[in-house]
C-alpha atoms as a PDB file:
ATOM      1  CA  MET A   1       0.000   0.000   0.000  1.00  0.00           C
ATOM      2  CA  GLU A   2       2.949   2.288   0.716  1.00  0.00           C
ATOM      3  CA  LEU A   3       4.243   1.805  -2.839  1.00  0.00           C
ATOM      4  CA  LEU A   4       0.876   2.813  -4.274  1.00  0.00           C
ATOM      5  CA  SER A   5       0.679   5.941  -2.134  1.00  0.00           C
ATOM      6  CA  GLY A   6       4.260   6.902  -3.068  1.00  0.00           C
ATOM      7  CA  TRP A   7       3.468   6.426  -6.748  1.00  0.00           C
ATOM      8  CA  MET A   8       0.325   8.541  -6.482  1.00  0.00           C
ATOM      9  CA  ARG A   9       2.277  11.220  -4.588  1.00  0.00           C
ATOM     10  CA  GLU A  10       4.823  11.361  -7.431  1.00  0.00           C
ATOM     11  CA  ILE A  11       2.052  11.822  -9.992  1.00  0.00           C
ATOM     12  CA  VAL A  12       0.345  14.576  -7.986  1.00  0.00           C
ATOM     13  CA  VAL A  13       3.622  16.448  -7.374  1.00  0.00           C
ATOM     14  CA  LEU A  14       4.482  16.207 -11.078  1.00  0.00           C
ATOM     15  CA  LEU A  15       1.020  17.485 -12.066  1.00  0.00           C
ATOM     16  CA  VAL A  16       1.325  20.460  -9.703  1.00  0.00           C
ATOM     17  CA  PHE A  17       4.788  21.194 -11.110  1.00  0.00           C
ATOM     18  CA  ILE A  18       3.472  21.011 -14.700  1.00  0.00           C
ATOM     19  CA  VAL A  19       0.585  23.382 -13.941  1.00  0.00           C
ATOM     20  CA  PHE A  20       2.962  25.836 -12.213  1.00  0.00           C
ATOM     21  CA  LEU A  21       5.377  25.617 -15.153  1.00  0.00           C
ATOM     22  CA  GLU A  22       2.616  26.302 -17.683  1.00  0.00           C
ATOM     23  CA  LEU A  23       1.607  29.403 -15.728  1.00  0.00           C
ATOM     24  CA  LEU A  24       5.181  30.719 -15.845  1.00  0.00           C
ATOM     25  CA  ILE A  25       5.999  30.210 -19.524  1.00  0.00           C
ATOM     26  CA  PRO A  26       4.900  32.818 -22.077  1.00  0.00           C
ATOM     27  CA  ARG A  27       2.453  32.014 -24.876  1.00  0.00           C
ATOM     28  CA  SER A  28       4.779  31.050 -27.718  1.00  0.00           C
ATOM     29  CA  SER A  29       6.285  28.082 -29.492  1.00  0.00           C
ATOM     30  CA  VAL A  30       8.057  27.168 -26.261  1.00  0.00           C
ATOM     31  CA  GLU A  31       4.672  26.372 -24.720  1.00  0.00           C
ATOM     32  CA  ASN A  32       4.125  23.440 -27.103  1.00  0.00           C
ATOM     33  CA  PHE A  33       7.603  22.083 -26.372  1.00  0.00           C
ATOM     34  CA  VAL A  34       7.046  22.317 -22.608  1.00  0.00           C
ATOM     35  CA  ARG A  35       3.707  20.519 -22.931  1.00  0.00           C
ATOM     36  CA  VAL A  36       5.295  17.658 -24.897  1.00  0.00           C
ATOM     37  CA  VAL A  37       8.126  17.260 -22.387  1.00  0.00           C
ATOM     38  CA  ALA A  38       5.708  17.469 -19.451  1.00  0.00           C
ATOM     39  CA  GLY A  39       3.461  14.863 -21.061  1.00  0.00           C
ATOM     40  CA  LEU A  40       6.397  12.522 -21.543  1.00  0.00           C
ATOM     41  CA  LEU A  41       7.474  12.981 -17.923  1.00  0.00           C
ATOM     42  CA  LEU A  42       3.942  12.244 -16.775  1.00  0.00           C
ATOM     43  CA  LEU A  43       3.788   9.145 -18.984  1.00  0.00           C
ATOM     44  CA  VAL A  44       7.097   7.854 -17.616  1.00  0.00           C
ATOM     45  CA  THR A  45       5.927   8.451 -14.054  1.00  0.00           C
ATOM     46  CA  ILE A  46       2.687   6.580 -14.666  1.00  0.00           C
ATOM     47  CA  LEU A  47       4.458   3.641 -16.359  1.00  0.00           C
ATOM     48  CA  LYS A  48       7.247   3.405 -13.777  1.00  0.00           C
ATOM     49  CA  PRO A  49       5.571   0.647 -11.657  1.00  0.00           C
ATOM     50  CA  VAL A  50       4.914  -1.435 -14.774  1.00  0.00           C
ATOM     51  CA  VAL A  51       8.547  -1.202 -15.866  1.00  0.00           C
ATOM     52  CA  VAL A  52       9.751  -2.094 -12.369  1.00  0.00           C
ATOM     53  CA  TRP A  53       7.379  -5.079 -12.258  1.00  0.00           C
ATOM     54  CA  ILE A  54       8.595  -6.335 -15.667  1.00  0.00           C
ATOM     55  CA  TYR A  55      12.231  -5.923 -14.666  1.00  0.00           C
ATOM     56  CA  ASP A  56      11.669  -7.793 -11.386  1.00  0.00           C
ATOM     57  CA  HIS A  57      10.021 -10.698 -13.183  1.00  0.00           C
ATOM     58  CA  HIS A  58      12.420 -10.798 -16.140  1.00  0.00           C
ATOM     59  CA  PRO A  59      15.853  -9.686 -14.927  1.00  0.00           C
ATOM     60  CA  MET A  60      18.307  -8.761 -17.665  1.00  0.00           C
ATOM     61  CA  GLU A  61      21.391  -9.758 -15.739  1.00  0.00           C
ATOM     62  CA  ILE A  62      24.012 -12.043 -17.177  1.00  0.00           C
ATOM     63  CA  SER A  63      25.083 -14.579 -14.619  1.00  0.00           C
ATOM     64  CA  ARG A  64      28.598 -15.937 -14.271  1.00  0.00           C
ATOM     65  CA  GLN A  65      27.276 -19.295 -15.463  1.00  0.00           C
ATOM     66  CA  ASP A  66      25.912 -17.680 -18.646  1.00  0.00           C
ATOM     67  CA  LEU A  67      29.330 -16.149 -19.339  1.00  0.00           C
ATOM     68  CA  SER A  68      31.145 -19.431 -18.841  1.00  0.00           C
ATOM     69  CA  HIS A  69      29.521 -20.981 -21.922  1.00  0.00           C
ATOM     70  CA  SER A  70      29.358 -19.367 -25.327  1.00  0.00           C
ATOM     71  CA  SER A  71      26.922 -20.309 -28.082  1.00  0.00           C
ATOM     72  CA  ALA A  72      29.574 -22.522 -29.682  1.00  0.00           C
ATOM     73  CA  GLY A  73      30.023 -24.437 -26.441  1.00  0.00           C
ATOM     74  CA  HIS A  74      33.533 -23.141 -25.732  1.00  0.00           C
ATOM     75  CA  ALA A  75      34.245 -22.052 -22.186  1.00  0.00           C
ATOM     76  CA  ILE A  76      34.865 -18.355 -21.590  1.00  0.00           C
ATOM     77  CA  ASP A  77      36.752 -17.267 -18.502  1.00  0.00           C
ATOM     78  CA  PRO A  78      34.953 -14.067 -17.373  1.00  0.00           C
ATOM     79  CA  PRO A  79      37.939 -12.484 -15.549  1.00  0.00           C
ATOM     80  CA  ALA A  80      40.256 -13.150 -18.496  1.00  0.00           C
ATOM     81  CA  PHE A  81      37.637 -11.791 -20.885  1.00  0.00           C
ATOM     82  CA  MET A  82      37.312  -8.613 -18.800  1.00  0.00           C
ATOM     83  CA  ALA A  83      41.110  -8.241 -18.611  1.00  0.00           C
ATOM     84  CA  THR A  84      41.386  -8.556 -22.397  1.00  0.00           C
ATOM     85  CA  ALA A  85      38.623  -5.995 -22.891  1.00  0.00           C
ATOM     86  CA  TYR A  86      40.355  -3.600 -20.453  1.00  0.00           C
ATOM     87  CA  GLU A  87      43.678  -4.148 -22.241  1.00  0.00           C
ATOM     88  CA  GLN A  88      42.183  -3.364 -25.660  1.00  0.00           C
ATOM     89  CA  GLY A  89      40.333  -0.325 -24.348  1.00  0.00           C
ATOM     90  CA  LEU A  90      43.456   1.090 -22.700  1.00  0.00           C
ATOM     91  CA  ARG A  91      45.500   0.464 -25.858  1.00  0.00           C
ATOM     92  CA  TYR A  92      42.909   2.377 -27.913  1.00  0.00           C
ATOM     93  CA  LYS A  93      42.742   5.279 -25.428  1.00  0.00           C
ATOM     94  CA  ILE A  94      46.535   5.624 -25.307  1.00  0.00           C
ATOM     95  CA  SER A  95      46.791   5.473 -29.119  1.00  0.00           C
ATOM     96  CA  SER A  96      44.125   8.189 -29.428  1.00  0.00           C
ATOM     97  CA  TYR A  97      45.862  10.324 -26.791  1.00  0.00           C
ATOM     98  CA  LEU A  98      49.188  10.012 -28.618  1.00  0.00           C
ATOM     99  CA  ALA A  99      47.573  10.937 -31.944  1.00  0.00           C
ATOM    100  CA  GLU A 100      46.081  14.064 -30.319  1.00  0.00           C
ATOM    101  CA  LYS A 101      49.577  15.008 -29.134  1.00  0.00           C
ATOM    102  CA  GLY A 102      50.998  14.573 -32.664  1.00  0.00           C
ATOM    103  CA  TYR A 103      52.643  11.165 -32.232  1.00  0.00           C
ATOM    104  CA  TYR A 104      51.094   9.402 -35.213  1.00  0.00           C
ATOM    105  CA  GLY A 105      51.902   5.769 -36.005  1.00  0.00           C
ATOM    106  CA  ALA A 106      52.935   4.869 -32.455  1.00  0.00           C
ATOM    107  CA  SER A 107      52.751   1.191 -31.615  1.00  0.00           C
ATOM    108  CA  VAL A 108      51.184   0.538 -28.208  1.00  0.00           C
ATOM    109  CA  ALA A 109      51.458  -2.782 -26.369  1.00  0.00           C
ATOM    110  CA  VAL A 110      49.593  -3.215 -23.078  1.00  0.00           C
ATOM    111  CA  ASN A 111      50.093  -6.140 -20.712  1.00  0.00           C
ATOM    112  CA  VAL A 112      47.356  -6.675 -18.118  1.00  0.00           C
ATOM    113  CA  GLN A 113      47.764  -9.281 -15.375  1.00  0.00           C
ATOM    114  CA  LEU A 114      45.075 -10.895 -13.254  1.00  0.00           C
ATOM    115  CA  ASN A 115      45.153 -11.725  -9.593  1.00  0.00           C
ATOM    116  CA  ASP A 116      42.303 -13.209  -7.548  1.00  0.00           C
ATOM    117  CA  LYS A 117      40.390  -9.948  -7.171  1.00  0.00           C
ATOM    118  CA  GLU A 118      41.279  -7.594 -10.025  1.00  0.00           C
ATOM    119  CA  ALA A 119      43.126  -6.887 -13.223  1.00  0.00           C
ATOM    120  CA  PHE A 120      46.082  -4.513 -13.139  1.00  0.00           C
ATOM    121  CA  VAL A 121      48.382  -3.039 -15.766  1.00  0.00           C
ATOM    122  CA  GLN A 122      51.782  -4.655 -15.612  1.00  0.00           C
ATOM    123  CA  SER A 123      53.386  -2.783 -18.508  1.00  0.00           C
ATOM    124  CA  VAL A 124      52.699  -0.399 -21.370  1.00  0.00           C
ATOM    125  CA  ILE A 125      55.341  -0.311 -24.111  1.00  0.00           C
ATOM    126  CA  ILE A 126      55.135   2.409 -26.741  1.00  0.00           C
ATOM    127  CA  THR A 127      57.344   2.323 -29.832  1.00  0.00           C
ATOM    128  CA  MET A 128      57.565   5.438 -32.026  1.00  0.00           C
ATOM    129  CA  ASP A 129      59.325   6.527 -35.183  1.00  0.00           C
ATOM    130  CA  LYS A 130      59.741  10.101 -33.964  1.00  0.00           C
ATOM    131  CA  MET A 131      61.665  10.931 -30.798  1.00  0.00           C
ATOM    132  CA  PRO A 132      59.129  11.516 -27.998  1.00  0.00           C
ATOM    133  CA  SER A 133      59.447  14.166 -25.349  1.00  0.00           C
ATOM    134  CA  LYS A 134      61.382  13.148 -22.259  1.00  0.00           C
ATOM    135  CA  MET A 135      58.330  13.455 -20.023  1.00  0.00           C
ATOM    136  CA  LEU A 136      55.887  11.497 -22.233  1.00  0.00           C
ATOM    137  CA  ALA A 137      55.973   8.371 -20.055  1.00  0.00           C
ATOM    138  CA  ARG A 138      55.207  10.380 -16.902  1.00  0.00           C
ATOM    139  CA  GLU A 139      52.518  12.342 -18.746  1.00  0.00           C
ATOM    140  CA  LEU A 140      50.816   9.083 -19.819  1.00  0.00           C
ATOM    141  CA  CYS A 141      50.997   7.714 -16.267  1.00  0.00           C
ATOM    142  CA  ASP A 142      49.316  10.868 -14.980  1.00  0.00           C
ATOM    143  CA  ALA A 143      46.706  10.990 -17.758  1.00  0.00           C
ATOM    144  CA  PHE A 144      45.618   7.350 -17.354  1.00  0.00           C
ATOM    145  CA  GLU A 145      46.249   7.010 -13.610  1.00  0.00           C
ATOM    146  CA  LEU A 146      48.895   4.337 -14.044  1.00  0.00           C
ATOM    147  CA  PRO A 147      51.703   3.686 -11.555  1.00  0.00           C
ATOM    148  CA  TYR A 148      54.986   5.379 -12.456  1.00  0.00           C
ATOM    149  CA  GLY A 149      57.435   3.009 -14.094  1.00  0.00           C
ATOM    150  CA  VAL A 150      54.735   0.987 -15.872  1.00  0.00           C
ATOM    151  CA  VAL A 151      54.979   2.996 -19.113  1.00  0.00           C
ATOM    152  CA  SER A 152      58.078   2.618 -21.314  1.00  0.00           C
ATOM    153  CA  VAL A 153      58.594   4.754 -24.409  1.00  0.00           C
ATOM    154  CA  MET A 154      61.029   3.658 -27.124  1.00  0.00           C
ATOM    155  CA  GLN A 155      62.233   5.001 -30.440  1.00  0.00           C
ATOM    156  CA  GLY A 156      63.513   2.311 -32.790  1.00  0.00           C
ATOM    157  CA  GLY A 157      64.420  -0.004 -29.910  1.00  0.00           C
ATOM    158  CA  LYS A 158      65.894   2.760 -27.747  1.00  0.00           C
ATOM    159  CA  LYS A 159      64.135   2.813 -24.370  1.00  0.00           C
ATOM    160  CA  ASP A 160      63.249   6.024 -22.507  1.00  0.00           C
ATOM    161  CA  GLU A 161      62.331   5.173 -18.906  1.00  0.00           C
ATOM    162  CA  PRO A 162      60.475   7.791 -16.851  1.00  0.00           C
ATOM    163  CA  LYS A 163      62.539   9.504 -14.149  1.00  0.00           C
ATOM    164  CA  ARG A 164      61.385   8.754 -10.629  1.00  0.00           C
END
């Protein structure tokens, strides 16, 4: 009964707000826009219990058991899958960051390790044709919140370690 009264209270408060808003806005094309938005808000508020009921009876969660079997029947290790996804995402973000800074064609290799609880970046190796700035490794550590010493920048096999 408390849920029903809370739902009704939300509708009444929204209706009062809509009426107050319509009194404040001038008669113009904005009035039609405000009415459409207010109608949509009212519709969402009215349908909220239905959506919650559907979600409770048909949860859209993927369980660990669902992840452990793919459609082809091959086992998928969820932590390893997440580590690989994190590794690829970080590689893409670093490559984009380097391109923004003018370092085009840089090769980025990211190594992510797993322990029992989490994935962590073990190393990031960047190889470039053009000589990078001396502080690029430290700048990347700061930009991507990586521990200092994890990022190595090289030019043609020559390694530039960040100063600690």
